[in-house]
Amino acid sequence: MNADIESFNFRRYFPNTGIWFLPNAILPEYLKTDHHKPEPLTVQMFIESAKAGRWLYD
């Protein structure tokens, strides 16, 4: 089974830890620390998305 994971948002489940010794103010956007709690990512989510052929959890 193949699933289109184009809509999978990696940072939603694995927040960027950034560069701990540099403040966000001087970092480019892609290196800034995410200050949110990661959402749970389960094997069941992968199974259901594979059956549907696309990532179901936006």
PDB file of N, CA and C in Angstrom:
ATOM      1  N   MET A   1       0.836  -1.190   0.000  1.00  0.00           N
ATOM      2  CA  MET A   1       0.000   0.000   0.000  1.00  0.00           C
ATOM      3  C   MET A   1       0.876   1.246   0.000  1.00  0.00           C
ATOM      4  N   ASN A   2       0.467   2.211  -0.760  1.00  0.00           N
ATOM      5  CA  ASN A   2       1.166   3.490  -0.802  1.00  0.00           C
ATOM      6  C   ASN A   2       0.237   4.581  -0.292  1.00  0.00           C
ATOM      7  N   ALA A   3       0.824   5.545   0.365  1.00  0.00           N
ATOM      8  CA  ALA A   3       0.043   6.676   0.868  1.00  0.00           C
ATOM      9  C   ALA A   3       0.738   7.967   0.476  1.00  0.00           C
ATOM     10  N   ASP A   4      -0.043   8.934   0.040  1.00  0.00           N
ATOM     11  CA  ASP A   4       0.485  10.253  -0.280  1.00  0.00           C
ATOM     12  C   ASP A   4       0.681  11.007   1.036  1.00  0.00           C
ATOM     13  N   ILE A   5       1.929  11.272   1.387  1.00  0.00           N
ATOM     14  CA  ILE A   5       2.210  11.935   2.664  1.00  0.00           C
ATOM     15  C   ILE A   5       2.563  13.409   2.481  1.00  0.00           C
ATOM     16  N   GLU A   6       2.164  13.975   1.356  1.00  0.00           N
ATOM     17  CA  GLU A   6       2.463  15.378   1.088  1.00  0.00           C
ATOM     18  C   GLU A   6       1.886  16.301   2.161  1.00  0.00           C
ATOM     19  N   SER A   7       0.749  15.951   2.726  1.00  0.00           N
ATOM     20  CA  SER A   7       0.128  16.810   3.744  1.00  0.00           C
ATOM     21  C   SER A   7       0.612  16.490   5.159  1.00  0.00           C
ATOM     22  N   PHE A   8       1.531  15.529   5.299  1.00  0.00           N
ATOM     23  CA  PHE A   8       2.071  15.180   6.616  1.00  0.00           C
ATOM     24  C   PHE A   8       2.953  16.320   7.119  1.00  0.00           C
ATOM     25  N   ASN A   9       2.620  16.875   8.277  1.00  0.00           N
ATOM     26  CA  ASN A   9       3.384  17.974   8.862  1.00  0.00           C
ATOM     27  C   ASN A   9       4.310  17.407   9.942  1.00  0.00           C
ATOM     28  N   PHE A  10       5.571  17.202   9.592  1.00  0.00           N
ATOM     29  CA  PHE A  10       6.551  16.591  10.486  1.00  0.00           C
ATOM     30  C   PHE A  10       6.678  17.368  11.788  1.00  0.00           C
ATOM     31  N   ARG A  11       6.681  18.688  11.715  1.00  0.00           N
ATOM     32  CA  ARG A  11       6.876  19.527  12.902  1.00  0.00           C
ATOM     33  C   ARG A  11       5.705  19.442  13.879  1.00  0.00           C
ATOM     34  N   ARG A  12       4.567  19.016  13.417  1.00  0.00           N
ATOM     35  CA  ARG A  12       3.414  18.858  14.310  1.00  0.00           C
ATOM     36  C   ARG A  12       3.673  17.758  15.347  1.00  0.00           C
ATOM     37  N   TYR A  13       4.389  16.735  14.940  1.00  0.00           N
ATOM     38  CA  TYR A  13       4.655  15.586  15.800  1.00  0.00           C
ATOM     39  C   TYR A  13       6.064  15.590  16.389  1.00  0.00           C
ATOM     40  N   PHE A  14       6.973  16.295  15.726  1.00  0.00           N
ATOM     41  CA  PHE A  14       8.363  16.383  16.178  1.00  0.00           C
ATOM     42  C   PHE A  14       8.811  17.843  16.113  1.00  0.00           C
ATOM     43  N   PRO A  15       8.515  18.650  17.143  1.00  0.00           N
ATOM     44  CA  PRO A  15       8.875  20.073  17.128  1.00  0.00           C
ATOM     45  C   PRO A  15      10.386  20.276  17.002  1.00  0.00           C
ATOM     46  N   ASN A  16      10.741  21.347  16.341  1.00  0.00           N
ATOM     47  CA  ASN A  16      12.148  21.695  16.175  1.00  0.00           C
ATOM     48  C   ASN A  16      12.719  22.135  17.520  1.00  0.00           C
ATOM     49  N   THR A  17      13.816  21.534  17.924  1.00  0.00           N
ATOM     50  CA  THR A  17      14.437  21.899  19.196  1.00  0.00           C
ATOM     51  C   THR A  17      15.328  23.118  19.048  1.00  0.00           C
ATOM     52  N   GLY A  18      15.597  23.528  17.827  1.00  0.00           N
ATOM     53  CA  GLY A  18      16.394  24.722  17.593  1.00  0.00           C
ATOM     54  C   GLY A  18      17.831  24.558  18.025  1.00  0.00           C
ATOM     55  N   ILE A  19      18.504  25.667  18.129  1.00  0.00           N
ATOM     56  CA  ILE A  19      19.887  25.700  18.605  1.00  0.00           C
ATOM     57  C   ILE A  19      19.827  26.293  20.002  1.00  0.00           C
ATOM     58  N   TRP A  20      20.009  25.470  20.994  1.00  0.00           N
ATOM     59  CA  TRP A  20      19.709  25.831  22.379  1.00  0.00           C
ATOM     60  C   TRP A  20      20.475  27.036  22.898  1.00  0.00           C
ATOM     61  N   PHE A  21      21.653  27.328  22.361  1.00  0.00           N
ATOM     62  CA  PHE A  21      22.456  28.423  22.909  1.00  0.00           C
ATOM     63  C   PHE A  21      22.266  29.741  22.152  1.00  0.00           C
ATOM     64  N   LEU A  22      21.409  29.761  21.126  1.00  0.00           N
ATOM     65  CA  LEU A  22      21.138  30.993  20.385  1.00  0.00           C
ATOM     66  C   LEU A  22      19.667  31.374  20.537  1.00  0.00           C
ATOM     67  N   PRO A  23      19.375  32.659  20.737  1.00  0.00           N
ATOM     68  CA  PRO A  23      17.977  33.085  20.866  1.00  0.00           C
ATOM     69  C   PRO A  23      17.260  33.047  19.515  1.00  0.00           C
ATOM     70  N   ASN A  24      15.960  32.799  19.545  1.00  0.00           N
ATOM     71  CA  ASN A  24      15.163  32.741  18.318  1.00  0.00           C
ATOM     72  C   ASN A  24      15.246  34.026  17.502  1.00  0.00           C
ATOM     73  N   ALA A  25      15.447  35.166  18.155  1.00  0.00           N
ATOM     74  CA  ALA A  25      15.444  36.454  17.468  1.00  0.00           C
ATOM     75  C   ALA A  25      16.516  36.551  16.385  1.00  0.00           C
ATOM     76  N   ILE A  26      17.610  35.825  16.524  1.00  0.00           N
ATOM     77  CA  ILE A  26      18.685  35.934  15.534  1.00  0.00           C
ATOM     78  C   ILE A  26      18.739  34.736  14.575  1.00  0.00           C
ATOM     79  N   LEU A  27      17.827  33.791  14.737  1.00  0.00           N
ATOM     80  CA  LEU A  27      17.827  32.595  13.892  1.00  0.00           C
ATOM     81  C   LEU A  27      16.859  32.742  12.722  1.00  0.00           C
ATOM     82  N   PRO A  28      17.180  32.122  11.579  1.00  0.00           N
ATOM     83  CA  PRO A  28      16.194  32.080  10.498  1.00  0.00           C
ATOM     84  C   PRO A  28      14.998  31.225  10.927  1.00  0.00           C
ATOM     85  N   GLU A  29      13.881  31.417  10.279  1.00  0.00           N
ATOM     86  CA  GLU A  29      12.624  30.766  10.673  1.00  0.00           C
ATOM     87  C   GLU A  29      12.751  29.250  10.794  1.00  0.00           C
ATOM     88  N   TYR A  30      13.450  28.607   9.883  1.00  0.00           N
ATOM     89  CA  TYR A  30      13.521  27.141   9.897  1.00  0.00           C
ATOM     90  C   TYR A  30      14.379  26.585  11.028  1.00  0.00           C
ATOM     91  N   LEU A  31      15.152  27.416  11.713  1.00  0.00           N
ATOM     92  CA  LEU A  31      15.978  26.957  12.829  1.00  0.00           C
ATOM     93  C   LEU A  31      15.422  27.343  14.197  1.00  0.00           C
ATOM     94  N   LYS A  32      14.347  28.118  14.207  1.00  0.00           N
ATOM     95  CA  LYS A  32      13.789  28.576  15.478  1.00  0.00           C
ATOM     96  C   LYS A  32      13.173  27.420  16.259  1.00  0.00           C
ATOM     97  N   THR A  33      13.238  27.532  17.582  1.00  0.00           N
ATOM     98  CA  THR A  33      12.681  26.513  18.464  1.00  0.00           C
ATOM     99  C   THR A  33      11.162  26.590  18.460  1.00  0.00           C
ATOM    100  N   ASP A  34      10.512  25.440  18.294  1.00  0.00           N
ATOM    101  CA  ASP A  34       9.053  25.362  18.408  1.00  0.00           C
ATOM    102  C   ASP A  34       8.716  25.195  19.882  1.00  0.00           C
ATOM    103  N   HIS A  35       7.828  26.030  20.374  1.00  0.00           N
ATOM    104  CA  HIS A  35       7.442  25.966  21.785  1.00  0.00           C
ATOM    105  C   HIS A  35       6.021  25.429  21.919  1.00  0.00           C
ATOM    106  N   HIS A  36       5.760  24.290  21.298  1.00  0.00           N
ATOM    107  CA  HIS A  36       4.449  23.667  21.450  1.00  0.00           C
ATOM    108  C   HIS A  36       4.625  22.198  21.811  1.00  0.00           C
ATOM    109  N   LYS A  37       3.608  21.667  22.432  1.00  0.00           N
ATOM    110  CA  LYS A  37       3.630  20.261  22.829  1.00  0.00           C
ATOM    111  C   LYS A  37       3.365  19.407  21.582  1.00  0.00           C
ATOM    112  N   PRO A  38       4.207  18.425  21.317  1.00  0.00           N
ATOM    113  CA  PRO A  38       3.982  17.589  20.138  1.00  0.00           C
ATOM    114  C   PRO A  38       2.716  16.750  20.285  1.00  0.00           C
ATOM    115  N   GLU A  39       2.040  16.553  19.165  1.00  0.00           N
ATOM    116  CA  GLU A  39       0.858  15.703  19.170  1.00  0.00           C
ATOM    117  C   GLU A  39       1.289  14.242  19.085  1.00  0.00           C
ATOM    118  N   PRO A  40       0.494  13.339  19.631  1.00  0.00           N
ATOM    119  CA  PRO A  40       0.863  11.922  19.566  1.00  0.00           C
ATOM    120  C   PRO A  40       0.795  11.405  18.128  1.00  0.00           C
ATOM    121  N   LEU A  41       1.753  10.576  17.773  1.00  0.00           N
ATOM    122  CA  LEU A  41       1.808   9.934  16.467  1.00  0.00           C
ATOM    123  C   LEU A  41       1.830   8.433  16.716  1.00  0.00           C
ATOM    124  N   THR A  42       0.829   7.738  16.209  1.00  0.00           N
ATOM    125  CA  THR A  42       0.699   6.313  16.517  1.00  0.00           C
ATOM    126  C   THR A  42       0.824   5.458  15.260  1.00  0.00           C
ATOM    127  N   VAL A  43       1.117   4.203  15.471  1.00  0.00           N
ATOM    128  CA  VAL A  43       1.179   3.245  14.368  1.00  0.00           C
ATOM    129  C   VAL A  43      -0.196   3.137  13.711  1.00  0.00           C
ATOM    130  N   GLN A  44      -1.247   3.221  14.503  1.00  0.00           N
ATOM    131  CA  GLN A  44      -2.607   3.151  13.966  1.00  0.00           C
ATOM    132  C   GLN A  44      -2.868   4.280  12.966  1.00  0.00           C
ATOM    133  N   MET A  45      -2.321   5.451  13.221  1.00  0.00           N
ATOM    134  CA  MET A  45      -2.476   6.569  12.291  1.00  0.00           C
ATOM    135  C   MET A  45      -1.837   6.229  10.947  1.00  0.00           C
ATOM    136  N   PHE A  46      -0.664   5.589  10.974  1.00  0.00           N
ATOM    137  CA  PHE A  46       0.003   5.174   9.741  1.00  0.00           C
ATOM    138  C   PHE A  46      -0.807   4.104   9.009  1.00  0.00           C
ATOM    139  N   ILE A  47      -1.350   3.152   9.748  1.00  0.00           N
ATOM    140  CA  ILE A  47      -2.130   2.071   9.141  1.00  0.00           C
ATOM    141  C   ILE A  47      -3.377   2.622   8.458  1.00  0.00           C
ATOM    142  N   GLU A  48      -4.122   3.478   9.157  1.00  0.00           N
ATOM    143  CA  GLU A  48      -5.345   4.044   8.587  1.00  0.00           C
ATOM    144  C   GLU A  48      -5.046   4.909   7.369  1.00  0.00           C
ATOM    145  N   SER A  49      -3.971   5.671   7.417  1.00  0.00           N
ATOM    146  CA  SER A  49      -3.600   6.511   6.282  1.00  0.00           C
ATOM    147  C   SER A  49      -3.159   5.665   5.091  1.00  0.00           C
ATOM    148  N   ALA A  50      -2.441   4.585   5.345  1.00  0.00           N
ATOM    149  CA  ALA A  50      -2.018   3.691   4.263  1.00  0.00           C
ATOM    150  C   ALA A  50      -3.234   3.067   3.582  1.00  0.00           C
ATOM    151  N   LYS A  51      -4.225   2.671   4.360  1.00  0.00           N
ATOM    152  CA  LYS A  51      -5.449   2.097   3.787  1.00  0.00           C
ATOM    153  C   LYS A  51      -6.194   3.122   2.944  1.00  0.00           C
ATOM    154  N   ALA A  52      -6.194   4.384   3.393  1.00  0.00           N
ATOM    155  CA  ALA A  52      -6.894   5.448   2.676  1.00  0.00           C
ATOM    156  C   ALA A  52      -6.097   5.956   1.481  1.00  0.00           C
ATOM    157  N   GLY A  53      -4.782   5.723   1.480  1.00  0.00           N
ATOM    158  CA  GLY A  53      -3.948   6.175   0.375  1.00  0.00           C
ATOM    159  C   GLY A  53      -3.468   7.605   0.505  1.00  0.00           C
ATOM    160  N   ARG A  54      -3.732   8.228   1.636  1.00  0.00           N
ATOM    161  CA  ARG A  54      -3.275   9.607   1.878  1.00  0.00           C
ATOM    162  C   ARG A  54      -3.202   9.824   3.380  1.00  0.00           C
ATOM    163  N   TRP A  55      -2.491  10.866   3.788  1.00  0.00           N
ATOM    164  CA  TRP A  55      -2.374  11.177   5.210  1.00  0.00           C
ATOM    165  C   TRP A  55      -3.685  11.778   5.683  1.00  0.00           C
ATOM    166  N   LEU A  56      -4.300  11.162   6.688  1.00  0.00           N
ATOM    167  CA  LEU A  56      -5.633  11.547   7.151  1.00  0.00           C
ATOM    168  C   LEU A  56      -5.634  12.590   8.258  1.00  0.00           C
ATOM    169  N   TYR A  57      -4.508  12.836   8.874  1.00  0.00           N
ATOM    170  CA  TYR A  57      -4.472  13.667  10.081  1.00  0.00           C
ATOM    171  C   TYR A  57      -3.770  14.987   9.799  1.00  0.00           C
ATOM    172  N   ASP A  58      -4.563  16.030   9.621  1.00  0.00           N
ATOM    173  CA  ASP A  58      -3.987  17.351   9.324  1.00  0.00           C
ATOM    174  C   ASP A  58      -3.784  18.139  10.575  1.00  0.00           C
TER     175      ASP A  58
END
